[in-house]
PDB file of N, CA and C in Angstrom:
ATOM      1  N   MET A   1     -15.271  26.248   9.750  1.00  0.00           N
ATOM      2  CA  MET A   1     -15.919  25.720   8.594  1.00  0.00           C
ATOM      3  C   MET A   1     -16.093  25.478   7.166  1.00  0.00           C
ATOM      4  N   ALA A   2     -14.847  26.077   6.381  1.00  0.00           N
ATOM      5  CA  ALA A   2     -14.582  25.945   4.718  1.00  0.00           C
ATOM      6  C   ALA A   2     -13.759  24.568   5.045  1.00  0.00           C
ATOM      7  N   ALA A   3     -12.926  24.155   5.838  1.00  0.00           N
ATOM      8  CA  ALA A   3     -12.406  23.467   5.899  1.00  0.00           C
ATOM      9  C   ALA A   3     -12.828  21.563   6.021  1.00  0.00           C
ATOM     10  N   TYR A   4     -14.253  21.820   6.701  1.00  0.00           N
ATOM     11  CA  TYR A   4     -15.330  21.126   7.096  1.00  0.00           C
ATOM     12  C   TYR A   4     -16.008  20.210   6.184  1.00  0.00           C
ATOM     13  N   VAL A   5     -15.936  21.911   5.382  1.00  0.00           N
ATOM     14  CA  VAL A   5     -16.973  21.477   4.208  1.00  0.00           C
ATOM     15  C   VAL A   5     -16.174  21.129   2.550  1.00  0.00           C
ATOM     16  N   VAL A   6     -14.849  21.821   2.808  1.00  0.00           N
ATOM     17  CA  VAL A   6     -13.806  21.509   1.706  1.00  0.00           C
ATOM     18  C   VAL A   6     -13.931  19.385   1.780  1.00  0.00           C
ATOM     19  N   ALA A   7     -13.414  18.863   3.052  1.00  0.00           N
ATOM     20  CA  ALA A   7     -13.511  17.409   3.493  1.00  0.00           C
ATOM     21  C   ALA A   7     -14.578  16.762   3.367  1.00  0.00           C
ATOM     22  N   VAL A   8     -15.529  17.533   3.569  1.00  0.00           N
ATOM     23  CA  VAL A   8     -17.362  16.417   3.297  1.00  0.00           C
ATOM     24  C   VAL A   8     -16.716  16.573   1.925  1.00  0.00           C
ATOM     25  N   LEU A   9     -17.077  17.471   0.967  1.00  0.00           N
ATOM     26  CA  LEU A   9     -17.127  17.400  -0.809  1.00  0.00           C
ATOM     27  C   LEU A   9     -16.279  16.437  -1.166  1.00  0.00           C
ATOM     28  N   MET A  10     -14.841  16.344  -0.429  1.00  0.00           N
ATOM     29  CA  MET A  10     -13.622  15.485  -1.195  1.00  0.00           C
ATOM     30  C   MET A  10     -13.917  14.340  -0.937  1.00  0.00           C
ATOM     31  N   ARG A  11     -14.547  13.975   0.206  1.00  0.00           N
ATOM     32  CA  ARG A  11     -14.491  12.549   0.246  1.00  0.00           C
ATOM     33  C   ARG A  11     -16.168  11.962  -0.056  1.00  0.00           C
ATOM     34  N   VAL A  12     -16.762  12.873  -0.279  1.00  0.00           N
ATOM     35  CA  VAL A  12     -18.051  12.577  -1.245  1.00  0.00           C
ATOM     36  C   VAL A  12     -17.940  12.100  -2.897  1.00  0.00           C
ATOM     37  N   ALA A  13     -16.848  13.387  -3.398  1.00  0.00           N
ATOM     38  CA  ALA A  13     -16.619  13.022  -4.352  1.00  0.00           C
ATOM     39  C   ALA A  13     -15.612  12.436  -5.149  1.00  0.00           C
ATOM     40  N   GLN A  14     -14.841  11.840  -4.032  1.00  0.00           N
ATOM     41  CA  GLN A  14     -13.806  11.146  -4.709  1.00  0.00           C
ATOM     42  C   GLN A  14     -13.966   9.608  -4.005  1.00  0.00           C
ATOM     43  N   GLY A  15     -14.840   9.491  -3.126  1.00  0.00           N
ATOM     44  CA  GLY A  15     -14.899   8.058  -2.429  1.00  0.00           C
ATOM     45  C   GLY A  15     -13.661   7.462  -1.403  1.00  0.00           C
ATOM     46  N   LEU A  16     -12.663   8.056  -2.512  1.00  0.00           N
ATOM     47  CA  LEU A  16     -11.340   7.282  -1.004  1.00  0.00           C
ATOM     48  C   LEU A  16     -10.784   8.460   0.269  1.00  0.00           C
ATOM     49  N   ALA A  17     -11.038   7.793   1.187  1.00  0.00           N
ATOM     50  CA  ALA A  17     -10.686   8.509   2.064  1.00  0.00           C
ATOM     51  C   ALA A  17      -9.521   9.477   2.153  1.00  0.00           C
ATOM     52  N   THR A  18      -8.373   8.730   2.169  1.00  0.00           N
ATOM     53  CA  THR A  18      -6.662   9.227   2.712  1.00  0.00           C
ATOM     54  C   THR A  18      -6.899  10.117   1.235  1.00  0.00           C
ATOM     55  N   VAL A  19      -7.262  10.071   0.448  1.00  0.00           N
ATOM     56  CA  VAL A  19      -6.753  10.974  -0.620  1.00  0.00           C
ATOM     57  C   VAL A  19      -7.734  12.474  -0.620  1.00  0.00           C
ATOM     58  N   ALA A  20      -8.933  12.432  -0.364  1.00  0.00           N
ATOM     59  CA  ALA A  20      -9.839  13.037  -0.262  1.00  0.00           C
ATOM     60  C   ALA A  20      -9.590  13.606   1.141  1.00  0.00           C
ATOM     61  N   LEU A  21      -8.683  13.239   2.565  1.00  0.00           N
ATOM     62  CA  LEU A  21      -8.332  14.025   3.021  1.00  0.00           C
ATOM     63  C   LEU A  21      -7.082  14.832   2.805  1.00  0.00           C
ATOM     64  N   VAL A  22      -5.860  14.020   1.581  1.00  0.00           N
ATOM     65  CA  VAL A  22      -5.055  15.038   1.872  1.00  0.00           C
ATOM     66  C   VAL A  22      -5.034  15.843   0.844  1.00  0.00           C
ATOM     67  N   THR A  23      -6.209  15.966  -0.226  1.00  0.00           N
ATOM     68  CA  THR A  23      -6.585  16.869  -1.055  1.00  0.00           C
ATOM     69  C   THR A  23      -7.191  17.941  -0.354  1.00  0.00           C
ATOM     70  N   ALA A  24      -7.894  17.989   0.404  1.00  0.00           N
ATOM     71  CA  ALA A  24      -9.015  18.635   1.170  1.00  0.00           C
ATOM     72  C   ALA A  24      -7.644  19.545   1.676  1.00  0.00           C
ATOM     73  N   ALA A  25      -6.675  18.912   2.747  1.00  0.00           N
ATOM     74  CA  ALA A  25      -5.652  19.664   3.613  1.00  0.00           C
ATOM     75  C   ALA A  25      -4.701  20.600   2.163  1.00  0.00           C
ATOM     76  N   GLY A  26      -4.053  19.777   0.832  1.00  0.00           N
ATOM     77  CA  GLY A  26      -3.776  20.773   0.042  1.00  0.00           C
ATOM     78  C   GLY A  26      -4.482  21.887  -0.700  1.00  0.00           C
ATOM     79  N   LEU A  27      -5.762  21.818  -0.687  1.00  0.00           N
ATOM     80  CA  LEU A  27      -6.884  23.012  -0.832  1.00  0.00           C
ATOM     81  C   LEU A  27      -6.650  24.320   0.576  1.00  0.00           C
ATOM     82  N   MET A  28      -7.034  23.311   1.452  1.00  0.00           N
ATOM     83  CA  MET A  28      -6.857  24.292   2.485  1.00  0.00           C
ATOM     84  C   MET A  28      -5.623  25.230   2.986  1.00  0.00           C
ATOM     85  N   ALA A  29      -4.278  24.658   2.644  1.00  0.00           N
ATOM     86  CA  ALA A  29      -3.188  24.784   3.082  1.00  0.00           C
ATOM     87  C   ALA A  29      -2.807  26.400   2.759  1.00  0.00           C
ATOM     88  N   PRO A  30      -3.028  26.945   1.186  1.00  0.00           N
ATOM     89  CA  PRO A  30      -2.771  28.421   0.798  1.00  0.00           C
ATOM     90  C   PRO A  30      -3.614  29.457   2.259  1.00  0.00           C
ATOM     91  N   ALA A  31      -4.694  28.852   2.180  1.00  0.00           N
ATOM     92  CA  ALA A  31      -5.746  30.057   3.375  1.00  0.00           C
ATOM     93  C   ALA A  31      -5.042  29.518   4.426  1.00  0.00           C
ATOM     94  N   VAL A  32      -4.751  28.740   4.762  1.00  0.00           N
ATOM     95  CA  VAL A  32      -4.185  29.229   6.232  1.00  0.00           C
ATOM     96  C   VAL A  32      -3.017  29.599   6.424  1.00  0.00           C
ATOM     97  N   GLU A  33      -2.159  29.469   5.243  1.00  0.00           N
ATOM     98  CA  GLU A  33      -1.316  30.223   5.840  1.00  0.00           C
ATOM     99  C   GLU A  33      -0.727  31.887   5.065  1.00  0.00           C
ATOM    100  N   ALA A  34      -2.316  31.795   4.436  1.00  0.00           N
ATOM    101  CA  ALA A  34      -2.022  33.384   4.352  1.00  0.00           C
ATOM    102  C   ALA A  34      -2.590  34.400   5.493  1.00  0.00           C
ATOM    103  N   GLY A  35      -3.612  33.727   5.819  1.00  0.00           N
ATOM    104  CA  GLY A  35      -4.349  33.943   7.070  1.00  0.00           C
ATOM    105  C   GLY A  35      -3.119  33.842   8.726  1.00  0.00           C
ATOM    106  N   ASP A  36      -3.743  35.262   9.402  1.00  0.00           N
ATOM    107  CA  ASP A  36      -3.304  35.895  10.385  1.00  0.00           C
ATOM    108  C   ASP A  36      -3.623  34.703  11.680  1.00  0.00           C
ATOM    109  N   PHE A  37      -3.226  33.221  11.815  1.00  0.00           N
ATOM    110  CA  PHE A  37      -3.815  32.551  12.978  1.00  0.00           C
ATOM    111  C   PHE A  37      -2.496  32.278  13.509  1.00  0.00           C
ATOM    112  N   SER A  38      -3.404  32.096  15.119  1.00  0.00           N
ATOM    113  CA  SER A  38      -2.287  31.796  16.046  1.00  0.00           C
ATOM    114  C   SER A  38      -2.391  30.096  16.129  1.00  0.00           C
ATOM    115  N   ILE A  39      -1.645  29.636  16.898  1.00  0.00           N
ATOM    116  CA  ILE A  39      -1.433  27.680  16.487  1.00  0.00           C
ATOM    117  C   ILE A  39      -2.771  27.543  16.884  1.00  0.00           C
ATOM    118  N   MET A  40      -3.815  27.651  17.874  1.00  0.00           N
ATOM    119  CA  MET A  40      -4.393  26.815  18.410  1.00  0.00           C
ATOM    120  C   MET A  40      -5.875  27.166  17.475  1.00  0.00           C
ATOM    121  N   GLN A  41      -6.102  28.429  16.429  1.00  0.00           N
ATOM    122  CA  GLN A  41      -6.897  28.269  15.694  1.00  0.00           C
ATOM    123  C   GLN A  41      -6.100  27.240  13.633  1.00  0.00           C
ATOM    124  N   VAL A  42      -5.020  27.301  14.058  1.00  0.00           N
ATOM    125  CA  VAL A  42      -4.805  26.353  13.229  1.00  0.00           C
ATOM    126  C   VAL A  42      -4.977  24.800  13.267  1.00  0.00           C
ATOM    127  N   VAL A  43      -4.889  24.328  14.758  1.00  0.00           N
ATOM    128  CA  VAL A  43      -5.168  23.103  15.330  1.00  0.00           C
ATOM    129  C   VAL A  43      -6.705  22.807  15.041  1.00  0.00           C
ATOM    130  N   ALA A  44      -7.430  23.921  15.359  1.00  0.00           N
ATOM    131  CA  ALA A  44      -9.130  24.002  15.005  1.00  0.00           C
ATOM    132  C   ALA A  44      -9.502  23.648  13.362  1.00  0.00           C
ATOM    133  N   ILE A  45      -8.812  24.366  12.424  1.00  0.00           N
ATOM    134  CA  ILE A  45      -8.950  24.669  11.238  1.00  0.00           C
ATOM    135  C   ILE A  45      -8.783  22.480  11.065  1.00  0.00           C
ATOM    136  N   THR A  46      -7.561  22.238  11.708  1.00  0.00           N
ATOM    137  CA  THR A  46      -7.470  20.701  11.547  1.00  0.00           C
ATOM    138  C   THR A  46      -8.019  19.915  11.443  1.00  0.00           C
ATOM    139  N   LEU A  47      -8.327  20.238  12.563  1.00  0.00           N
ATOM    140  CA  LEU A  47      -9.610  19.430  13.483  1.00  0.00           C
ATOM    141  C   LEU A  47     -10.658  19.311  12.648  1.00  0.00           C
ATOM    142  N   GLU A  48     -10.920  20.597  12.145  1.00  0.00           N
ATOM    143  CA  GLU A  48     -12.317  20.559  11.320  1.00  0.00           C
ATOM    144  C   GLU A  48     -12.438  20.047   9.930  1.00  0.00           C
ATOM    145  N   SER A  49     -10.855  19.997   9.203  1.00  0.00           N
ATOM    146  CA  SER A  49     -11.003  18.812   8.567  1.00  0.00           C
ATOM    147  C   SER A  49     -11.330  17.418   8.736  1.00  0.00           C
ATOM    148  N   VAL A  50     -10.710  16.518   9.695  1.00  0.00           N
ATOM    149  CA  VAL A  50     -10.699  15.736   9.809  1.00  0.00           C
ATOM    150  C   VAL A  50     -11.867  15.067  10.253  1.00  0.00           C
ATOM    151  N   LEU A  51     -12.903  16.164  11.035  1.00  0.00           N
ATOM    152  CA  LEU A  51     -14.098  16.075  11.687  1.00  0.00           C
ATOM    153  C   LEU A  51     -14.684  15.653  10.420  1.00  0.00           C
ATOM    154  N   GLY A  52     -14.242  16.902   8.858  1.00  0.00           N
ATOM    155  CA  GLY A  52     -15.384  16.746   8.397  1.00  0.00           C
ATOM    156  C   GLY A  52     -15.329  15.055   6.779  1.00  0.00           C
ATOM    157  N   PHE A  53     -13.871  14.397   7.372  1.00  0.00           N
ATOM    158  CA  PHE A  53     -13.284  13.337   6.878  1.00  0.00           C
ATOM    159  C   PHE A  53     -14.502  11.942   7.597  1.00  0.00           C
ATOM    160  N   VAL A  54     -14.414  12.422   8.983  1.00  0.00           N
ATOM    161  CA  VAL A  54     -14.784  11.276   9.472  1.00  0.00           C
ATOM    162  C   VAL A  54     -16.825  11.064   9.422  1.00  0.00           C
ATOM    163  N   MET A  55     -17.006  12.485   9.348  1.00  0.00           N
ATOM    164  CA  MET A  55     -18.228  12.683   9.519  1.00  0.00           C
ATOM    165  C   MET A  55     -18.990  11.814   8.067  1.00  0.00           C
ATOM    166  N   ALA A  56     -18.017  12.097   7.052  1.00  0.00           N
ATOM    167  CA  ALA A  56     -18.732  11.523   5.720  1.00  0.00           C
ATOM    168  C   ALA A  56     -18.132   9.919   5.814  1.00  0.00           C
ATOM    169  N   TRP A  57     -17.406   9.234   6.601  1.00  0.00           N
ATOM    170  CA  TRP A  57     -17.328   7.961   6.574  1.00  0.00           C
ATOM    171  C   TRP A  57     -18.349   7.523   7.206  1.00  0.00           C
ATOM    172  N   ILE A  58     -18.691   8.124   8.890  1.00  0.00           N
ATOM    173  CA  ILE A  58     -19.291   7.655   9.126  1.00  0.00           C
ATOM    174  C   ILE A  58     -21.331   7.633   8.248  1.00  0.00           C
ATOM    175  N   VAL A  59     -21.167   8.585   7.472  1.00  0.00           N
ATOM    176  CA  VAL A  59     -22.422   8.222   6.772  1.00  0.00           C
ATOM    177  C   VAL A  59     -22.753   8.068   5.658  1.00  0.00           C
ATOM    178  N   PHE A  60     -21.524   7.284   5.274  1.00  0.00           N
ATOM    179  CA  PHE A  60     -21.163   6.232   4.116  1.00  0.00           C
ATOM    180  C   PHE A  60     -21.677   5.077   4.797  1.00  0.00           C
ATOM    181  N   THR A  61     -21.003   4.611   5.826  1.00  0.00           N
ATOM    182  CA  THR A  61     -20.749   2.907   6.607  1.00  0.00           C
ATOM    183  C   THR A  61     -22.644   2.389   6.709  1.00  0.00           C
ATOM    184  N   ILE A  62     -23.355   4.116   7.461  1.00  0.00           N
ATOM    185  CA  ILE A  62     -24.664   3.888   7.724  1.00  0.00           C
ATOM    186  C   ILE A  62     -25.526   3.618   6.679  1.00  0.00           C
ATOM    187  N   PHE A  63     -24.952   4.347   5.409  1.00  0.00           N
ATOM    188  CA  PHE A  63     -26.237   4.064   4.560  1.00  0.00           C
ATOM    189  C   PHE A  63     -25.178   3.406   3.083  1.00  0.00           C
TER     190      PHE A  63
END
């Protein structure tokens, strides 16, 4: 859930999609590395951050 929130906040704050996604990934990477996550959990965290980016994009295009 944290990756999703970070991705949405970065997208809203920066406005640029690619920069927001890379920044969110950079902010979440140390937390993911420090955690004892399985491969599938890392995949879920990655998809979570991408979903945050996509949902923010949908909201921006609608409004």
